[in-house]
Amino acid sequence: MGTFDSLCNQGNWREAVEVLDYLENKGFAMDLIRLLRLAKICGEPEALEAARVVHECIIALVSPCDVGSRNAIIKMYSCCGSVDDALKLFDEMPNRNSETWCVMMRCFVNNDYGEAAINLFTRFKEEGNKPDGEIFIEVLSTCTLTGDVKEGSLQFEAMNREYGIIPSMEHYHSVTKMFATSGHLDESLNFVERMPMEPSVDVW
């Protein structure tokens, strides 16, 4: 196990997966903590096949109710650029928490599937889930990616009006970024000047 740990610490996913395969063939089961550590370093496009191996090992080890481990696998696939693998696992999950939806939305956003991320948020609400502040961060990030200032503004207003969520500095930063990156500089400045709190350095 020491060799495996050393390879993971070095970020050497290729040889770490080879050691994993060797140990599995010898009848040694890798523990979950080590598998999740390996999942973190398999997050690059070249590691997709290795990521699928790690996925299988984790699923074989955990119960269907282990949402956290499945969230970690979705993150791994997101970093690999495999939206299809991430979405397949997401759809197969018998249970999801708020982080699951955020991770899947982030996967779409990070891989330039902005419209799919907004559609997922719609599905989230249609399934009876109540949004929280964290998922609105993903929604606003999506609107920044797509340049949909109108949708982003509506979602920001809905946070407090419909769900009673008090926007945090991170939400204000996200809206400011959305306006600025889409070329709405006057709206961005006006938004900052109307903030009910002192803008952070990131906002400026």
N, C-alpha and C. Protein backbone atom coordinates (compact mmCIF):
# COMPACT_ATOMS: atom_id res chain seq x y z
N MET A 1 0.82 -1.21 0.00
CA MET A 1 0.00 0.00 0.00
C MET A 1 0.86 1.27 0.00
N GLY A 2 2.07 1.14 0.55
CA GLY A 2 2.94 2.31 0.60
C GLY A 2 3.28 2.82 -0.78
N THR A 3 3.53 1.89 -1.71
CA THR A 3 3.83 2.29 -3.09
C THR A 3 2.63 3.02 -3.71
N PHE A 4 1.44 2.49 -3.48
CA PHE A 4 0.23 3.11 -3.99
C PHE A 4 0.08 4.52 -3.45
N ASP A 5 0.25 4.68 -2.13
CA ASP A 5 0.12 6.00 -1.50
C ASP A 5 1.14 6.98 -2.08
N SER A 6 2.36 6.50 -2.27
CA SER A 6 3.41 7.35 -2.82
C SER A 6 3.07 7.83 -4.23
N LEU A 7 2.54 6.93 -5.04
CA LEU A 7 2.17 7.27 -6.42
C LEU A 7 1.03 8.30 -6.43
N CYS A 8 0.07 8.12 -5.54
CA CYS A 8 -1.03 9.08 -5.46
C CYS A 8 -0.53 10.45 -5.03
N ASN A 9 0.38 10.47 -4.06
CA ASN A 9 0.94 11.74 -3.60
C ASN A 9 1.70 12.45 -4.71
N GLN A 10 2.28 11.66 -5.63
CA GLN A 10 3.02 12.23 -6.75
C GLN A 10 2.09 12.61 -7.91
N GLY A 11 0.82 12.22 -7.82
CA GLY A 11 -0.13 12.48 -8.91
C GLY A 11 0.05 11.54 -10.07
N ASN A 12 0.72 10.42 -9.85
CA ASN A 12 1.00 9.45 -10.91
C ASN A 12 -0.16 8.45 -11.00
N TRP A 13 -1.22 8.85 -11.70
CA TRP A 13 -2.41 8.00 -11.75
C TRP A 13 -2.20 6.74 -12.59
N ARG A 14 -1.35 6.82 -13.60
CA ARG A 14 -1.14 5.64 -14.46
C ARG A 14 -0.60 4.45 -13.65
N GLU A 15 0.50 4.69 -12.95
CA GLU A 15 1.10 3.60 -12.19
C GLU A 15 0.25 3.23 -10.98
N ALA A 16 -0.45 4.22 -10.41
CA ALA A 16 -1.31 3.93 -9.26
C ALA A 16 -2.43 2.98 -9.67
N VAL A 17 -3.00 3.18 -10.85
CA VAL A 17 -4.06 2.28 -11.33
C VAL A 17 -3.49 0.89 -11.62
N GLU A 18 -2.26 0.84 -12.12
CA GLU A 18 -1.63 -0.46 -12.34
C GLU A 18 -1.44 -1.21 -11.03
N VAL A 19 -1.04 -0.49 -9.98
CA VAL A 19 -0.88 -1.11 -8.66
C VAL A 19 -2.25 -1.56 -8.14
N LEU A 20 -3.26 -0.73 -8.35
CA LEU A 20 -4.61 -1.08 -7.94
C LEU A 20 -5.06 -2.38 -8.61
N ASP A 21 -4.83 -2.46 -9.91
CA ASP A 21 -5.22 -3.65 -10.67
C ASP A 21 -4.46 -4.89 -10.17
N TYR A 22 -3.19 -4.71 -9.90
CA TYR A 22 -2.36 -5.82 -9.40
C TYR A 22 -2.89 -6.33 -8.05
N LEU A 23 -3.17 -5.39 -7.16
CA LEU A 23 -3.65 -5.77 -5.83
C LEU A 23 -5.02 -6.45 -5.89
N GLU A 24 -5.88 -5.91 -6.77
CA GLU A 24 -7.21 -6.51 -6.93
C GLU A 24 -7.08 -7.95 -7.43
N ASN A 25 -6.19 -8.17 -8.39
CA ASN A 25 -5.99 -9.52 -8.93
C ASN A 25 -5.42 -10.49 -7.88
N LYS A 26 -4.69 -9.93 -6.91
CA LYS A 26 -4.12 -10.75 -5.84
C LYS A 26 -5.11 -10.95 -4.69
N GLY A 27 -6.29 -10.37 -4.84
CA GLY A 27 -7.31 -10.54 -3.80
C GLY A 27 -7.28 -9.53 -2.69
N PHE A 28 -6.48 -8.45 -2.86
CA PHE A 28 -6.43 -7.40 -1.85
C PHE A 28 -7.43 -6.29 -2.22
N ALA A 29 -8.32 -5.97 -1.31
CA ALA A 29 -9.31 -4.92 -1.56
C ALA A 29 -8.76 -3.57 -1.11
N MET A 30 -8.81 -2.61 -2.00
CA MET A 30 -8.38 -1.25 -1.66
C MET A 30 -9.45 -0.57 -0.83
N ASP A 31 -9.05 0.18 0.18
CA ASP A 31 -10.04 0.86 1.02
C ASP A 31 -10.57 2.11 0.33
N LEU A 32 -11.71 2.57 0.79
CA LEU A 32 -12.42 3.68 0.14
C LEU A 32 -11.62 4.98 0.15
N ILE A 33 -10.96 5.26 1.26
CA ILE A 33 -10.20 6.51 1.35
C ILE A 33 -9.13 6.58 0.26
N ARG A 34 -8.44 5.48 0.03
CA ARG A 34 -7.40 5.46 -1.00
C ARG A 34 -8.01 5.57 -2.40
N LEU A 35 -9.15 4.91 -2.61
CA LEU A 35 -9.81 4.99 -3.92
C LEU A 35 -10.27 6.42 -4.22
N LEU A 36 -10.79 7.09 -3.22
CA LEU A 36 -11.24 8.47 -3.43
C LEU A 36 -10.04 9.40 -3.68
N ARG A 37 -8.93 9.10 -3.04
CA ARG A 37 -7.71 9.87 -3.29
C ARG A 37 -7.25 9.67 -4.74
N LEU A 38 -7.36 8.43 -5.21
CA LEU A 38 -7.00 8.13 -6.60
C LEU A 38 -7.96 8.83 -7.57
N ALA A 39 -9.23 8.87 -7.21
CA ALA A 39 -10.22 9.54 -8.06
C ALA A 39 -9.85 11.01 -8.29
N LYS A 40 -9.31 11.65 -7.27
CA LYS A 40 -8.95 13.06 -7.39
C LYS A 40 -7.84 13.29 -8.41
N ILE A 41 -6.91 12.35 -8.52
CA ILE A 41 -5.79 12.56 -9.45
C ILE A 41 -6.09 12.00 -10.84
N CYS A 42 -7.24 11.35 -10.99
CA CYS A 42 -7.63 10.84 -12.32
C CYS A 42 -8.45 11.87 -13.08
N GLY A 43 -8.49 13.09 -12.58
CA GLY A 43 -9.30 14.12 -13.19
C GLY A 43 -8.62 14.86 -14.33
N GLU A 44 -8.34 14.18 -15.41
CA GLU A 44 -7.82 14.81 -16.62
C GLU A 44 -8.23 13.94 -17.81
N PRO A 45 -8.37 14.55 -18.99
CA PRO A 45 -8.89 13.80 -20.14
C PRO A 45 -8.15 12.51 -20.45
N GLU A 46 -6.83 12.52 -20.29
CA GLU A 46 -6.04 11.33 -20.60
C GLU A 46 -6.31 10.18 -19.64
N ALA A 47 -6.93 10.48 -18.52
CA ALA A 47 -7.14 9.46 -17.48
C ALA A 47 -8.54 8.86 -17.51
N LEU A 48 -9.29 9.09 -18.57
CA LEU A 48 -10.69 8.66 -18.60
C LEU A 48 -10.85 7.16 -18.38
N GLU A 49 -10.06 6.35 -19.08
CA GLU A 49 -10.19 4.91 -18.91
C GLU A 49 -9.82 4.49 -17.49
N ALA A 50 -8.80 5.11 -16.94
CA ALA A 50 -8.42 4.83 -15.56
C ALA A 50 -9.55 5.26 -14.61
N ALA A 51 -10.19 6.39 -14.92
CA ALA A 51 -11.29 6.88 -14.10
C ALA A 51 -12.43 5.87 -14.06
N ARG A 52 -12.68 5.22 -15.19
CA ARG A 52 -13.75 4.22 -15.23
C ARG A 52 -13.42 3.00 -14.36
N VAL A 53 -12.14 2.66 -14.32
CA VAL A 53 -11.71 1.55 -13.45
C VAL A 53 -11.93 1.94 -11.99
N VAL A 54 -11.53 3.15 -11.64
CA VAL A 54 -11.69 3.63 -10.26
C VAL A 54 -13.17 3.69 -9.90
N HIS A 55 -13.98 4.13 -10.85
CA HIS A 55 -15.43 4.19 -10.66
C HIS A 55 -15.97 2.82 -10.27
N GLU A 56 -15.61 1.80 -11.02
CA GLU A 56 -16.10 0.45 -10.76
C GLU A 56 -15.66 -0.05 -9.38
N CYS A 57 -14.43 0.26 -9.02
CA CYS A 57 -13.92 -0.19 -7.72
C CYS A 57 -14.67 0.47 -6.57
N ILE A 58 -14.93 1.76 -6.71
CA ILE A 58 -15.65 2.48 -5.66
C ILE A 58 -17.07 1.97 -5.52
N ILE A 59 -17.77 1.81 -6.64
CA ILE A 59 -19.16 1.36 -6.61
C ILE A 59 -19.27 -0.04 -6.01
N ALA A 60 -18.28 -0.88 -6.28
CA ALA A 60 -18.29 -2.24 -5.74
C ALA A 60 -18.09 -2.25 -4.23
N LEU A 61 -17.52 -1.17 -3.71
CA LEU A 61 -17.16 -1.12 -2.30
C LEU A 61 -18.21 -0.45 -1.42
N VAL A 62 -18.98 0.49 -1.98
CA VAL A 62 -19.89 1.30 -1.17
C VAL A 62 -21.35 0.88 -1.36
N SER A 63 -22.19 1.31 -0.45
CA SER A 63 -23.61 1.00 -0.53
C SER A 63 -24.29 1.97 -1.50
N PRO A 64 -25.49 1.61 -1.98
CA PRO A 64 -26.24 2.51 -2.88
C PRO A 64 -26.57 3.86 -2.23
N CYS A 65 -26.54 3.90 -0.90
CA CYS A 65 -26.88 5.13 -0.19
C CYS A 65 -25.69 6.07 -0.01
N ASP A 66 -24.51 5.63 -0.43
CA ASP A 66 -23.31 6.47 -0.27
C ASP A 66 -23.28 7.53 -1.36
N VAL A 67 -23.95 8.64 -1.08
CA VAL A 67 -24.06 9.72 -2.06
C VAL A 67 -22.72 10.43 -2.24
N GLY A 68 -21.99 10.62 -1.14
CA GLY A 68 -20.73 11.36 -1.21
C GLY A 68 -19.73 10.74 -2.15
N SER A 69 -19.60 9.41 -2.13
CA SER A 69 -18.66 8.74 -3.02
C SER A 69 -19.06 8.91 -4.48
N ARG A 70 -20.34 8.84 -4.74
CA ARG A 70 -20.82 9.02 -6.11
C ARG A 70 -20.63 10.47 -6.57
N ASN A 71 -20.80 11.42 -5.66
CA ASN A 71 -20.51 12.81 -6.01
C ASN A 71 -19.05 12.97 -6.43
N ALA A 72 -18.16 12.28 -5.72
CA ALA A 72 -16.72 12.35 -6.04
C ALA A 72 -16.44 11.76 -7.42
N ILE A 73 -17.17 10.72 -7.79
CA ILE A 73 -16.98 10.13 -9.12
C ILE A 73 -17.45 11.09 -10.20
N ILE A 74 -18.57 11.77 -9.96
CA ILE A 74 -19.06 12.75 -10.93
C ILE A 74 -18.03 13.86 -11.11
N LYS A 75 -17.44 14.32 -10.01
CA LYS A 75 -16.39 15.34 -10.09
C LYS A 75 -15.22 14.83 -10.94
N MET A 76 -14.85 13.58 -10.72
CA MET A 76 -13.74 12.99 -11.47
C MET A 76 -14.04 13.01 -12.96
N TYR A 77 -15.23 12.55 -13.34
CA TYR A 77 -15.60 12.53 -14.76
C TYR A 77 -15.68 13.95 -15.33
N SER A 78 -16.13 14.88 -14.52
CA SER A 78 -16.20 16.28 -14.97
C SER A 78 -14.81 16.78 -15.36
N CYS A 79 -13.82 16.50 -14.50
CA CYS A 79 -12.45 16.92 -14.78
C CYS A 79 -11.86 16.18 -15.97
N CYS A 80 -12.36 14.97 -16.21
CA CYS A 80 -11.91 14.21 -17.39
C CYS A 80 -12.56 14.73 -18.67
N GLY A 81 -13.60 15.55 -18.52
CA GLY A 81 -14.31 16.06 -19.69
C GLY A 81 -15.39 15.12 -20.20
N SER A 82 -15.72 14.09 -19.42
CA SER A 82 -16.72 13.13 -19.86
C SER A 82 -18.07 13.42 -19.21
N VAL A 83 -18.82 14.31 -19.83
CA VAL A 83 -20.15 14.65 -19.34
C VAL A 83 -21.08 13.44 -19.41
N ASP A 84 -20.93 12.63 -20.45
CA ASP A 84 -21.80 11.46 -20.61
C ASP A 84 -21.66 10.49 -19.44
N ASP A 85 -20.42 10.20 -19.04
CA ASP A 85 -20.20 9.28 -17.92
C ASP A 85 -20.76 9.87 -16.62
N ALA A 86 -20.54 11.17 -16.44
CA ALA A 86 -21.03 11.82 -15.23
C ALA A 86 -22.56 11.80 -15.17
N LEU A 87 -23.19 12.12 -16.29
CA LEU A 87 -24.65 12.17 -16.33
C LEU A 87 -25.26 10.78 -16.17
N LYS A 88 -24.62 9.77 -16.73
CA LYS A 88 -25.12 8.40 -16.60
C LYS A 88 -25.14 7.99 -15.13
N LEU A 89 -24.06 8.28 -14.42
CA LEU A 89 -24.01 7.96 -13.00
C LEU A 89 -25.05 8.77 -12.23
N PHE A 90 -25.16 10.05 -12.56
CA PHE A 90 -26.13 10.92 -11.90
C PHE A 90 -27.54 10.35 -12.03
N ASP A 91 -27.90 9.95 -13.24
CA ASP A 91 -29.25 9.42 -13.49
C ASP A 91 -29.49 8.08 -12.80
N GLU A 92 -28.41 7.32 -12.57
CA GLU A 92 -28.54 6.01 -11.94
C GLU A 92 -28.60 6.09 -10.41
N MET A 93 -28.26 7.24 -9.86
CA MET A 93 -28.19 7.35 -8.40
C MET A 93 -29.58 7.22 -7.77
N PRO A 94 -29.75 6.29 -6.82
CA PRO A 94 -31.05 6.14 -6.16
C PRO A 94 -31.35 7.28 -5.20
N ASN A 95 -30.29 7.93 -4.71
CA ASN A 95 -30.44 9.07 -3.81
C ASN A 95 -29.48 10.17 -4.23
N ARG A 96 -29.93 11.41 -4.09
CA ARG A 96 -29.07 12.56 -4.38
C ARG A 96 -29.24 13.58 -3.26
N ASN A 97 -28.20 14.36 -3.02
CA ASN A 97 -28.33 15.50 -2.11
C ASN A 97 -28.10 16.78 -2.90
N SER A 98 -28.17 17.90 -2.23
CA SER A 98 -28.01 19.18 -2.91
C SER A 98 -26.66 19.28 -3.61
N GLU A 99 -25.62 18.74 -2.96
CA GLU A 99 -24.28 18.77 -3.55
C GLU A 99 -24.23 17.99 -4.86
N THR A 100 -25.00 16.90 -4.95
CA THR A 100 -25.03 16.11 -6.18
C THR A 100 -25.47 16.97 -7.35
N TRP A 101 -26.55 17.72 -7.14
CA TRP A 101 -27.06 18.58 -8.21
C TRP A 101 -26.06 19.68 -8.56
N CYS A 102 -25.43 20.24 -7.52
CA CYS A 102 -24.44 21.29 -7.76
C CYS A 102 -23.25 20.74 -8.54
N VAL A 103 -22.78 19.56 -8.18
CA VAL A 103 -21.64 18.94 -8.86
C VAL A 103 -21.97 18.67 -10.32
N MET A 104 -23.19 18.18 -10.58
CA MET A 104 -23.58 17.89 -11.96
C MET A 104 -23.74 19.17 -12.77
N MET A 105 -24.31 20.20 -12.16
CA MET A 105 -24.42 21.49 -12.85
C MET A 105 -23.03 22.04 -13.16
N ARG A 106 -22.12 21.92 -12.19
CA ARG A 106 -20.75 22.40 -12.37
C ARG A 106 -20.07 21.62 -13.49
N CYS A 107 -20.38 20.34 -13.58
CA CYS A 107 -19.83 19.51 -14.66
C CYS A 107 -20.26 20.06 -16.01
N PHE A 108 -21.55 20.38 -16.14
CA PHE A 108 -22.04 20.95 -17.39
C PHE A 108 -21.35 22.28 -17.70
N VAL A 109 -21.29 23.15 -16.70
CA VAL A 109 -20.70 24.48 -16.89
C VAL A 109 -19.23 24.39 -17.27
N ASN A 110 -18.48 23.57 -16.55
CA ASN A 110 -17.04 23.45 -16.80
C ASN A 110 -16.73 22.85 -18.17
N ASN A 111 -17.71 22.15 -18.74
CA ASN A 111 -17.51 21.55 -20.05
C ASN A 111 -18.34 22.24 -21.14
N ASP A 112 -18.74 23.49 -20.84
CA ASP A 112 -19.41 24.36 -21.82
C ASP A 112 -20.79 23.87 -22.26
N TYR A 113 -21.52 23.28 -21.32
CA TYR A 113 -22.90 22.88 -21.59
C TYR A 113 -23.83 23.73 -20.73
N GLY A 114 -23.84 25.02 -20.99
CA GLY A 114 -24.60 25.95 -20.17
C GLY A 114 -26.10 25.69 -20.19
N GLU A 115 -26.66 25.44 -21.36
CA GLU A 115 -28.09 25.21 -21.46
C GLU A 115 -28.50 23.95 -20.70
N ALA A 116 -27.67 22.92 -20.76
CA ALA A 116 -27.95 21.69 -20.03
C ALA A 116 -27.96 21.93 -18.52
N ALA A 117 -27.09 22.83 -18.06
CA ALA A 117 -27.04 23.13 -16.63
C ALA A 117 -28.33 23.82 -16.18
N ILE A 118 -28.83 24.76 -16.97
CA ILE A 118 -30.09 25.43 -16.64
C ILE A 118 -31.24 24.43 -16.68
N ASN A 119 -31.24 23.54 -17.65
CA ASN A 119 -32.27 22.51 -17.74
C ASN A 119 -32.25 21.60 -16.51
N LEU A 120 -31.04 21.33 -16.01
CA LEU A 120 -30.92 20.48 -14.82
C LEU A 120 -31.50 21.20 -13.61
N PHE A 121 -31.30 22.50 -13.54
CA PHE A 121 -31.86 23.27 -12.42
C PHE A 121 -33.39 23.24 -12.49
N THR A 122 -33.93 23.33 -13.68
CA THR A 122 -35.38 23.21 -13.86
C THR A 122 -35.87 21.84 -13.40
N ARG A 123 -35.13 20.81 -13.76
CA ARG A 123 -35.47 19.45 -13.33
C ARG A 123 -35.39 19.33 -11.81
N PHE A 124 -34.40 19.95 -11.22
CA PHE A 124 -34.22 19.96 -9.77
C PHE A 124 -35.49 20.46 -9.08
N LYS A 125 -36.02 21.57 -9.58
CA LYS A 125 -37.23 22.15 -8.99
C LYS A 125 -38.46 21.31 -9.30
N GLU A 126 -38.53 20.78 -10.52
CA GLU A 126 -39.69 19.97 -10.91
C GLU A 126 -39.80 18.70 -10.07
N GLU A 127 -38.67 18.21 -9.58
CA GLU A 127 -38.69 17.02 -8.74
C GLU A 127 -38.99 17.32 -7.28
N GLY A 128 -39.35 18.57 -7.01
CA GLY A 128 -39.79 18.94 -5.67
C GLY A 128 -38.69 19.37 -4.73
N ASN A 129 -37.51 19.63 -5.25
CA ASN A 129 -36.40 20.06 -4.40
C ASN A 129 -36.44 21.57 -4.19
N LYS A 130 -36.05 22.01 -3.03
CA LYS A 130 -36.00 23.44 -2.72
C LYS A 130 -34.57 23.95 -2.89
N PRO A 131 -34.37 24.95 -3.74
CA PRO A 131 -33.02 25.48 -3.97
C PRO A 131 -32.43 26.10 -2.70
N ASP A 132 -31.12 26.03 -2.59
CA ASP A 132 -30.42 26.73 -1.52
C ASP A 132 -29.41 27.69 -2.13
N GLY A 133 -28.69 28.39 -1.29
CA GLY A 133 -27.75 29.39 -1.80
C GLY A 133 -26.67 28.80 -2.67
N GLU A 134 -26.23 27.58 -2.36
CA GLU A 134 -25.14 26.96 -3.10
C GLU A 134 -25.54 26.67 -4.54
N ILE A 135 -26.74 26.16 -4.73
CA ILE A 135 -27.13 25.81 -6.10
C ILE A 135 -27.36 27.07 -6.92
N PHE A 136 -27.73 28.18 -6.27
CA PHE A 136 -27.88 29.42 -7.02
C PHE A 136 -26.52 29.95 -7.50
N ILE A 137 -25.46 29.62 -6.77
CA ILE A 137 -24.12 29.98 -7.25
C ILE A 137 -23.87 29.31 -8.60
N GLU A 138 -24.27 28.04 -8.71
CA GLU A 138 -24.08 27.31 -9.97
C GLU A 138 -24.97 27.89 -11.07
N VAL A 139 -26.18 28.28 -10.71
CA VAL A 139 -27.09 28.87 -11.69
C VAL A 139 -26.50 30.17 -12.24
N LEU A 140 -26.00 31.01 -11.36
CA LEU A 140 -25.43 32.28 -11.79
C LEU A 140 -24.15 32.07 -12.59
N SER A 141 -23.37 31.07 -12.23
CA SER A 141 -22.16 30.74 -13.01
C SER A 141 -22.55 30.29 -14.42
N THR A 142 -23.65 29.55 -14.49
CA THR A 142 -24.14 29.09 -15.79
C THR A 142 -24.54 30.27 -16.66
N CYS A 143 -25.25 31.24 -16.07
CA CYS A 143 -25.68 32.41 -16.83
C CYS A 143 -24.49 33.27 -17.26
N THR A 144 -23.42 33.23 -16.47
CA THR A 144 -22.20 33.92 -16.88
C THR A 144 -21.61 33.25 -18.11
N LEU A 145 -21.61 31.93 -18.11
CA LEU A 145 -21.08 31.17 -19.25
C LEU A 145 -21.89 31.43 -20.51
N THR A 146 -23.21 31.40 -20.38
CA THR A 146 -24.07 31.55 -21.56
C THR A 146 -24.26 33.01 -21.97
N GLY A 147 -23.92 33.93 -21.06
CA GLY A 147 -24.14 35.35 -21.35
C GLY A 147 -25.60 35.75 -21.24
N ASP A 148 -26.40 34.91 -20.60
CA ASP A 148 -27.83 35.18 -20.47
C ASP A 148 -28.08 36.05 -19.24
N VAL A 149 -27.88 37.36 -19.42
CA VAL A 149 -28.01 38.31 -18.32
C VAL A 149 -29.45 38.37 -17.81
N LYS A 150 -30.41 38.29 -18.71
CA LYS A 150 -31.82 38.36 -18.31
C LYS A 150 -32.18 37.20 -17.39
N GLU A 151 -31.81 35.98 -17.79
CA GLU A 151 -32.09 34.81 -16.97
C GLU A 151 -31.38 34.89 -15.63
N GLY A 152 -30.12 35.31 -15.65
CA GLY A 152 -29.35 35.43 -14.42
C GLY A 152 -29.97 36.43 -13.46
N SER A 153 -30.43 37.58 -13.99
CA SER A 153 -31.05 38.61 -13.16
C SER A 153 -32.34 38.09 -12.53
N LEU A 154 -33.13 37.37 -13.32
CA LEU A 154 -34.38 36.80 -12.81
C LEU A 154 -34.12 35.79 -11.71
N GLN A 155 -33.10 34.96 -11.91
CA GLN A 155 -32.77 33.95 -10.91
C GLN A 155 -32.27 34.59 -9.62
N PHE A 156 -31.47 35.66 -9.76
CA PHE A 156 -30.97 36.35 -8.58
C PHE A 156 -32.12 36.96 -7.78
N GLU A 157 -33.06 37.56 -8.48
CA GLU A 157 -34.22 38.16 -7.81
C GLU A 157 -35.08 37.09 -7.15
N ALA A 158 -35.19 35.91 -7.79
CA ALA A 158 -36.03 34.83 -7.27
C ALA A 158 -35.46 34.24 -5.98
N MET A 159 -34.15 34.36 -5.78
CA MET A 159 -33.53 33.80 -4.59
C MET A 159 -34.24 34.25 -3.32
N ASN A 160 -34.39 35.55 -3.17
CA ASN A 160 -35.00 36.09 -1.96
C ASN A 160 -36.52 36.13 -2.05
N ARG A 161 -37.04 36.52 -3.23
CA ARG A 161 -38.49 36.70 -3.39
C ARG A 161 -39.24 35.38 -3.26
N GLU A 162 -38.71 34.33 -3.88
CA GLU A 162 -39.43 33.05 -3.91
C GLU A 162 -38.94 32.04 -2.88
N TYR A 163 -37.67 32.16 -2.48
CA TYR A 163 -37.11 31.13 -1.60
C TYR A 163 -36.57 31.67 -0.28
N GLY A 164 -36.63 32.99 -0.10
CA GLY A 164 -36.19 33.58 1.16
C GLY A 164 -34.71 33.45 1.43
N ILE A 165 -33.90 33.33 0.37
CA ILE A 165 -32.45 33.20 0.53
C ILE A 165 -31.81 34.59 0.47
N ILE A 166 -31.09 34.95 1.51
CA ILE A 166 -30.38 36.23 1.53
C ILE A 166 -29.08 36.07 0.75
N PRO A 167 -28.90 36.85 -0.33
CA PRO A 167 -27.68 36.71 -1.14
C PRO A 167 -26.42 36.98 -0.33
N SER A 168 -25.41 36.16 -0.56
CA SER A 168 -24.12 36.34 0.08
C SER A 168 -23.21 37.16 -0.84
N MET A 169 -22.03 37.47 -0.34
CA MET A 169 -21.06 38.19 -1.16
C MET A 169 -20.72 37.39 -2.41
N GLU A 170 -20.70 36.06 -2.31
CA GLU A 170 -20.39 35.23 -3.46
C GLU A 170 -21.46 35.37 -4.55
N HIS A 171 -22.71 35.52 -4.13
CA HIS A 171 -23.79 35.72 -5.11
C HIS A 171 -23.63 37.07 -5.80
N TYR A 172 -23.33 38.10 -5.02
CA TYR A 172 -23.14 39.42 -5.61
C TYR A 172 -21.94 39.42 -6.57
N HIS A 173 -20.91 38.70 -6.17
CA HIS A 173 -19.74 38.59 -7.05
C HIS A 173 -20.11 37.89 -8.35
N SER A 174 -20.92 36.85 -8.27
CA SER A 174 -21.32 36.09 -9.46
C SER A 174 -22.13 36.95 -10.41
N VAL A 175 -23.06 37.75 -9.87
CA VAL A 175 -23.89 38.60 -10.72
C VAL A 175 -23.04 39.70 -11.36
N THR A 176 -22.14 40.28 -10.58
CA THR A 176 -21.24 41.31 -11.11
C THR A 176 -20.42 40.75 -12.27
N LYS A 177 -19.89 39.56 -12.08
CA LYS A 177 -19.10 38.91 -13.12
C LYS A 177 -19.95 38.63 -14.35
N MET A 178 -21.20 38.22 -14.13
CA MET A 178 -22.10 37.92 -15.24
C MET A 178 -22.32 39.16 -16.10
N PHE A 179 -22.59 40.29 -15.45
CA PHE A 179 -22.78 41.54 -16.20
C PHE A 179 -21.50 41.95 -16.93
N ALA A 180 -20.39 41.90 -16.20
CA ALA A 180 -19.13 42.40 -16.76
C ALA A 180 -18.64 41.57 -17.93
N THR A 181 -18.68 40.24 -17.79
CA THR A 181 -18.14 39.39 -18.85
C THR A 181 -19.01 39.39 -20.11
N SER A 182 -20.27 39.79 -19.95
CA SER A 182 -21.15 39.86 -21.12
C SER A 182 -21.17 41.26 -21.74
N GLY A 183 -20.32 42.15 -21.20
CA GLY A 183 -20.18 43.48 -21.79
C GLY A 183 -21.13 44.52 -21.23
N HIS A 184 -21.92 44.19 -20.22
CA HIS A 184 -22.86 45.13 -19.61
C HIS A 184 -22.16 45.86 -18.46
N LEU A 185 -21.21 46.71 -18.81
CA LEU A 185 -20.36 47.33 -17.79
C LEU A 185 -21.12 48.34 -16.94
N ASP A 186 -22.01 49.13 -17.55
CA ASP A 186 -22.80 50.10 -16.78
C ASP A 186 -23.71 49.39 -15.78
N GLU A 187 -24.36 48.32 -16.26
CA GLU A 187 -25.23 47.56 -15.36
C GLU A 187 -24.43 46.94 -14.23
N SER A 188 -23.22 46.49 -14.55
CA SER A 188 -22.36 45.90 -13.54
C SER A 188 -22.01 46.91 -12.45
N LEU A 189 -21.62 48.10 -12.85
CA LEU A 189 -21.26 49.14 -11.89
C LEU A 189 -22.46 49.57 -11.06
N ASN A 190 -23.62 49.73 -11.72
CA ASN A 190 -24.83 50.11 -11.00
C ASN A 190 -25.22 49.06 -9.98
N PHE A 191 -25.05 47.81 -10.37
CA PHE A 191 -25.38 46.71 -9.46
C PHE A 191 -24.49 46.76 -8.22
N VAL A 192 -23.19 46.98 -8.44
CA VAL A 192 -22.25 47.05 -7.31
C VAL A 192 -22.60 48.22 -6.40
N GLU A 193 -22.94 49.36 -6.98
CA GLU A 193 -23.24 50.55 -6.18
C GLU A 193 -24.52 50.40 -5.37
N ARG A 194 -25.40 49.50 -5.79
CA ARG A 194 -26.67 49.29 -5.07
C ARG A 194 -26.58 48.16 -4.05
N MET A 195 -25.43 47.54 -3.93
CA MET A 195 -25.28 46.42 -2.99
C MET A 195 -25.56 46.88 -1.56
N PRO A 196 -26.26 46.07 -0.77
CA PRO A 196 -26.58 46.46 0.61
C PRO A 196 -25.42 46.22 1.58
N MET A 197 -24.26 45.87 1.05
CA MET A 197 -23.08 45.64 1.87
C MET A 197 -21.87 46.20 1.15
N GLU A 198 -20.78 46.37 1.86
CA GLU A 198 -19.56 46.87 1.24
C GLU A 198 -19.01 45.83 0.27
N PRO A 199 -18.82 46.18 -1.00
CA PRO A 199 -18.32 45.20 -1.98
C PRO A 199 -16.94 44.68 -1.58
N SER A 200 -16.72 43.42 -1.85
CA SER A 200 -15.42 42.82 -1.57
C SER A 200 -14.43 43.20 -2.66
N VAL A 201 -13.18 42.86 -2.43
CA VAL A 201 -12.13 43.11 -3.43
C VAL A 201 -12.45 42.34 -4.71
N ASP A 202 -12.94 41.11 -4.58
CA ASP A 202 -13.27 40.30 -5.74
C ASP A 202 -14.37 40.96 -6.58
N VAL A 203 -15.36 41.55 -5.91
CA VAL A 203 -16.44 42.21 -6.63
C VAL A 203 -15.88 43.38 -7.43
N TRP A 204 -15.02 44.20 -6.80
CA TRP A 204 -14.43 45.34 -7.54
C TRP A 204 -13.52 44.85 -8.65
